[in-house]
Protein backbone atom coordinates (compact mmCIF):
# COMPACT_ATOMS: atom_id res chain seq x y z
CA MET A 1 0.07 0.00 0.16
CA VAL A 2 1.32 3.16 -1.01
CA TRP A 3 0.54 6.48 1.14
CA VAL A 4 2.00 8.79 -1.05
CA ARG A 5 2.92 8.93 -4.99
CA SER A 6 6.63 9.00 -5.58
CA GLU A 7 6.15 12.23 -7.23
CA TYR A 8 4.76 14.05 -4.53
CA ALA A 9 7.52 12.90 -1.86
CA GLY A 10 9.56 15.93 -2.06
CA GLU A 11 6.92 18.32 -1.46
CA LEU A 12 5.43 16.13 1.66
CA ALA A 13 9.25 16.11 3.11
CA VAL A 14 9.36 19.87 2.89
CA VAL A 15 5.39 20.45 4.36
CA VAL A 16 5.61 18.00 7.30
CA THR A 17 9.16 19.21 8.22
CA TRP A 18 8.37 22.91 8.48
CA LEU A 19 4.73 21.67 10.07
CA ALA A 20 6.78 19.83 12.47
CA ALA A 21 8.28 23.02 13.76
CA PHE A 22 5.06 24.44 14.88
CA VAL A 23 3.60 20.99 16.57
CA PRO A 24 4.09 21.03 20.46
CA TRP A 25 6.18 17.94 21.17
CA ASN A 26 4.92 18.05 24.31
CA ILE A 27 1.97 19.57 26.37
CA THR A 28 2.08 18.90 30.29
CA TYR A 29 -0.61 20.02 33.03
CA SER A 30 0.38 20.19 36.38
CA SER A 31 -2.11 20.92 39.53
CA GLY A 32 -0.77 21.82 42.92
CA ILE A 33 2.03 24.08 42.25
CA SER A 34 2.08 26.67 45.01
CA GLY A 35 -1.90 26.64 45.20
CA GLY A 36 -2.44 26.57 41.77
CA SER A 37 -1.58 24.68 38.15
CA VAL A 38 0.40 25.14 35.27
CA LEU A 39 0.10 24.53 31.73
CA PHE A 40 3.10 23.79 29.57
CA VAL A 41 3.08 23.63 25.79
CA ARG A 42 6.26 22.73 24.57
CA PHE A 43 7.19 23.40 21.21
CA PRO A 44 10.33 22.43 19.41
CA PHE A 45 11.95 26.19 19.68
CA PHE A 46 10.16 27.37 22.65
CA GLN A 47 7.74 26.48 25.44
CA ILE A 48 4.73 28.82 26.60
CA ARG A 49 3.91 27.89 29.90
CA TYR A 50 0.46 29.29 31.41
CA ALA A 51 0.04 29.85 35.46
CA PHE A 52 -3.06 29.71 37.27
CA GLY A 53 -3.24 30.93 40.54
CA VAL A 54 0.26 30.73 41.41
CA THR A 55 0.84 33.61 42.89
CA PRO A 56 4.45 34.61 42.15
CA ALA A 57 4.60 33.47 38.86
CA ARG A 58 3.70 35.50 35.70
CA ARG A 59 0.67 34.10 34.15
CA ILE A 60 2.21 33.72 30.64
CA ALA A 61 6.30 33.17 30.24
CA LEU A 62 7.74 32.09 26.66
CA ALA A 63 11.45 30.60 26.86
CA ASP A 64 13.54 28.73 24.79
CA PRO A 65 15.34 25.14 25.17
CA LEU A 66 18.69 27.13 26.35
CA SER A 67 16.82 29.44 28.59
CA ALA A 68 14.68 26.69 30.28
CA ILE A 69 17.79 24.93 30.65
CA ALA A 70 19.42 27.84 32.59
CA PHE A 71 16.29 27.50 34.62
CA GLN A 72 16.49 24.08 35.58
CA HIS A 73 20.05 24.44 36.31
CA GLY A 74 21.03 21.67 39.05
CA GLN A 75 17.51 20.33 39.26
CA THR A 76 16.78 16.29 38.53
CA ILE A 77 14.85 17.60 35.26
CA GLN A 78 17.45 19.81 33.62
CA VAL A 79 18.72 16.59 31.87
CA ALA A 80 15.06 16.50 30.32
CA TYR A 81 15.67 20.22 28.86
CA GLN A 82 19.36 19.11 27.60
CA ALA A 83 17.34 16.66 25.55
CA TRP A 84 14.62 18.90 24.25
CA ALA A 85 17.36 21.56 23.13
CA VAL A 86 19.20 18.19 21.34
CA GLY A 87 15.82 17.45 19.57
CA ALA A 88 15.55 21.18 18.39
CA ALA A 89 18.79 21.39 17.26
CA VAL A 90 18.50 18.10 15.06
CA LEU A 91 14.99 19.66 13.98
CA ALA A 92 16.70 23.08 12.77
CA VAL A 93 18.98 21.11 10.76
CA GLY A 94 15.91 19.51 9.05
CA VAL A 95 14.34 22.89 8.55
CA VAL A 96 17.24 24.33 7.09
CA VAL A 97 17.63 21.00 4.54
CA ALA A 98 13.87 21.27 3.96
CA THR A 99 14.40 25.39 3.25
CA LEU A 100 16.74 24.47 1.02
CA TYR A 101 15.48 21.72 -0.65
CA TYR A 102 12.07 23.92 -1.31
CA ARG A 103 14.19 26.97 -3.12
CA ASP A 104 16.75 24.25 -5.15
CA GLU A 105 15.02 20.84 -5.52
CA GLU A 106 16.92 19.65 -8.68
CA ARG A 107 20.35 20.61 -6.83
CA LEU A 108 19.61 18.65 -3.65
CA GLU A 109 18.22 15.58 -5.36
CA ALA A 110 21.22 15.37 -7.53
CA GLY A 111 23.32 15.23 -4.60
CA PRO A 112 24.45 12.10 -2.83
CA ALA A 113 21.82 11.46 -0.68
CA ASP A 114 18.27 11.21 -1.31
CA PRO A 115 17.00 14.65 0.86
CA VAL A 116 13.19 12.87 1.13
CA ARG A 117 14.76 10.05 3.21
CA PHE A 118 17.57 12.59 4.97
CA LEU A 119 14.36 14.51 6.10
CA GLY A 120 12.54 11.52 6.89
CA GLY A 121 15.92 10.71 9.32
CA ILE A 122 16.05 14.20 10.91
CA LEU A 123 12.38 13.89 11.97
CA ALA A 124 12.62 10.07 13.38
CA LEU A 125 15.79 11.19 14.99
CA SER A 126 14.33 14.50 16.73
CA GLY A 127 11.17 11.96 17.56
CA VAL A 128 13.70 9.78 19.17
CA VAL A 129 15.30 12.20 21.11
CA LEU A 130 12.27 14.10 21.93
CA ALA A 131 10.56 11.06 23.37
CA ALA A 132 13.48 10.64 25.41
CA ALA A 133 12.80 14.04 26.74
CA THR A 134 9.20 13.03 27.42
CA TYR A 135 10.34 10.10 29.47
CA LEU A 136 12.90 12.17 31.14
CA LEU A 137 10.19 14.70 32.34
CA LEU A 138 7.99 11.70 33.50
CA THR A 139 10.38 9.92 35.29
CA ARG A 140 12.88 13.18 36.89
CA GLY A 141 9.55 14.08 39.28
CA PHE A 142 8.25 16.79 37.08
CA PRO A 143 4.63 17.23 38.48
CA GLY A 144 1.85 16.20 35.92
CA VAL A 145 2.00 13.66 33.09
CA PRO A 146 3.52 14.81 29.82
CA LEU A 147 1.24 14.25 26.49
CA PRO A 148 4.08 13.77 23.63
CA VAL A 149 1.66 15.01 20.95
CA GLY A 150 4.10 15.87 18.45
CA VAL A 151 6.38 13.29 19.36
CA VAL A 152 3.82 10.67 18.01
CA PHE A 153 3.81 13.20 14.79
CA LEU A 154 7.78 13.22 14.31
CA LEU A 155 7.84 9.50 14.57
CA LEU A 156 4.87 8.73 11.84
CA PHE A 157 6.19 11.27 9.35
CA GLY A 158 9.67 10.31 9.78
CA GLY A 159 8.62 6.88 9.29
CA LEU A 160 6.60 7.31 6.29
CA LEU A 161 9.44 9.61 4.74
CA LEU A 162 11.84 6.91 5.16
CA THR A 163 10.07 4.32 3.66
CA VAL A 164 8.30 6.24 0.53
CA ASP A 165 8.65 4.14 -2.59
CA GLN A 166 10.73 6.64 -4.80
CA GLU A 167 11.20 5.76 -8.58
């Protein structure tokens, strides 16, 4: 069964790689924090934190992976944020390659590596790394249950691009 026709594989690779940059890889709702609740929506390149009823915290805060690592310095979950930064860096390479592929399709297809499979590998690798970050959040004492929404997307589309039948 063919999921995508080979002549559209390049376009699919570009679109899903760009889309992956805007899908949250992790959503976590934590209740009982300083008398309130916090919702974390973690995208590959930033996180949005919504605080409800937590007095000293700003209601909405935005952080990138590096500032989140600095904020968690010395905490048990710092390694989860470091894994997030690695996953974001891997996906950033994919976004750059997808942009180059969009701009100069013929040149990239003439290169030594198949750009569709390369982008599939990038998506799958970032999915695995962000799955590890989700596992670390779950096991390192972070309150709440992290839902790996975008991780599933990354793994599915990475697998799809790696197995596309190109003629």
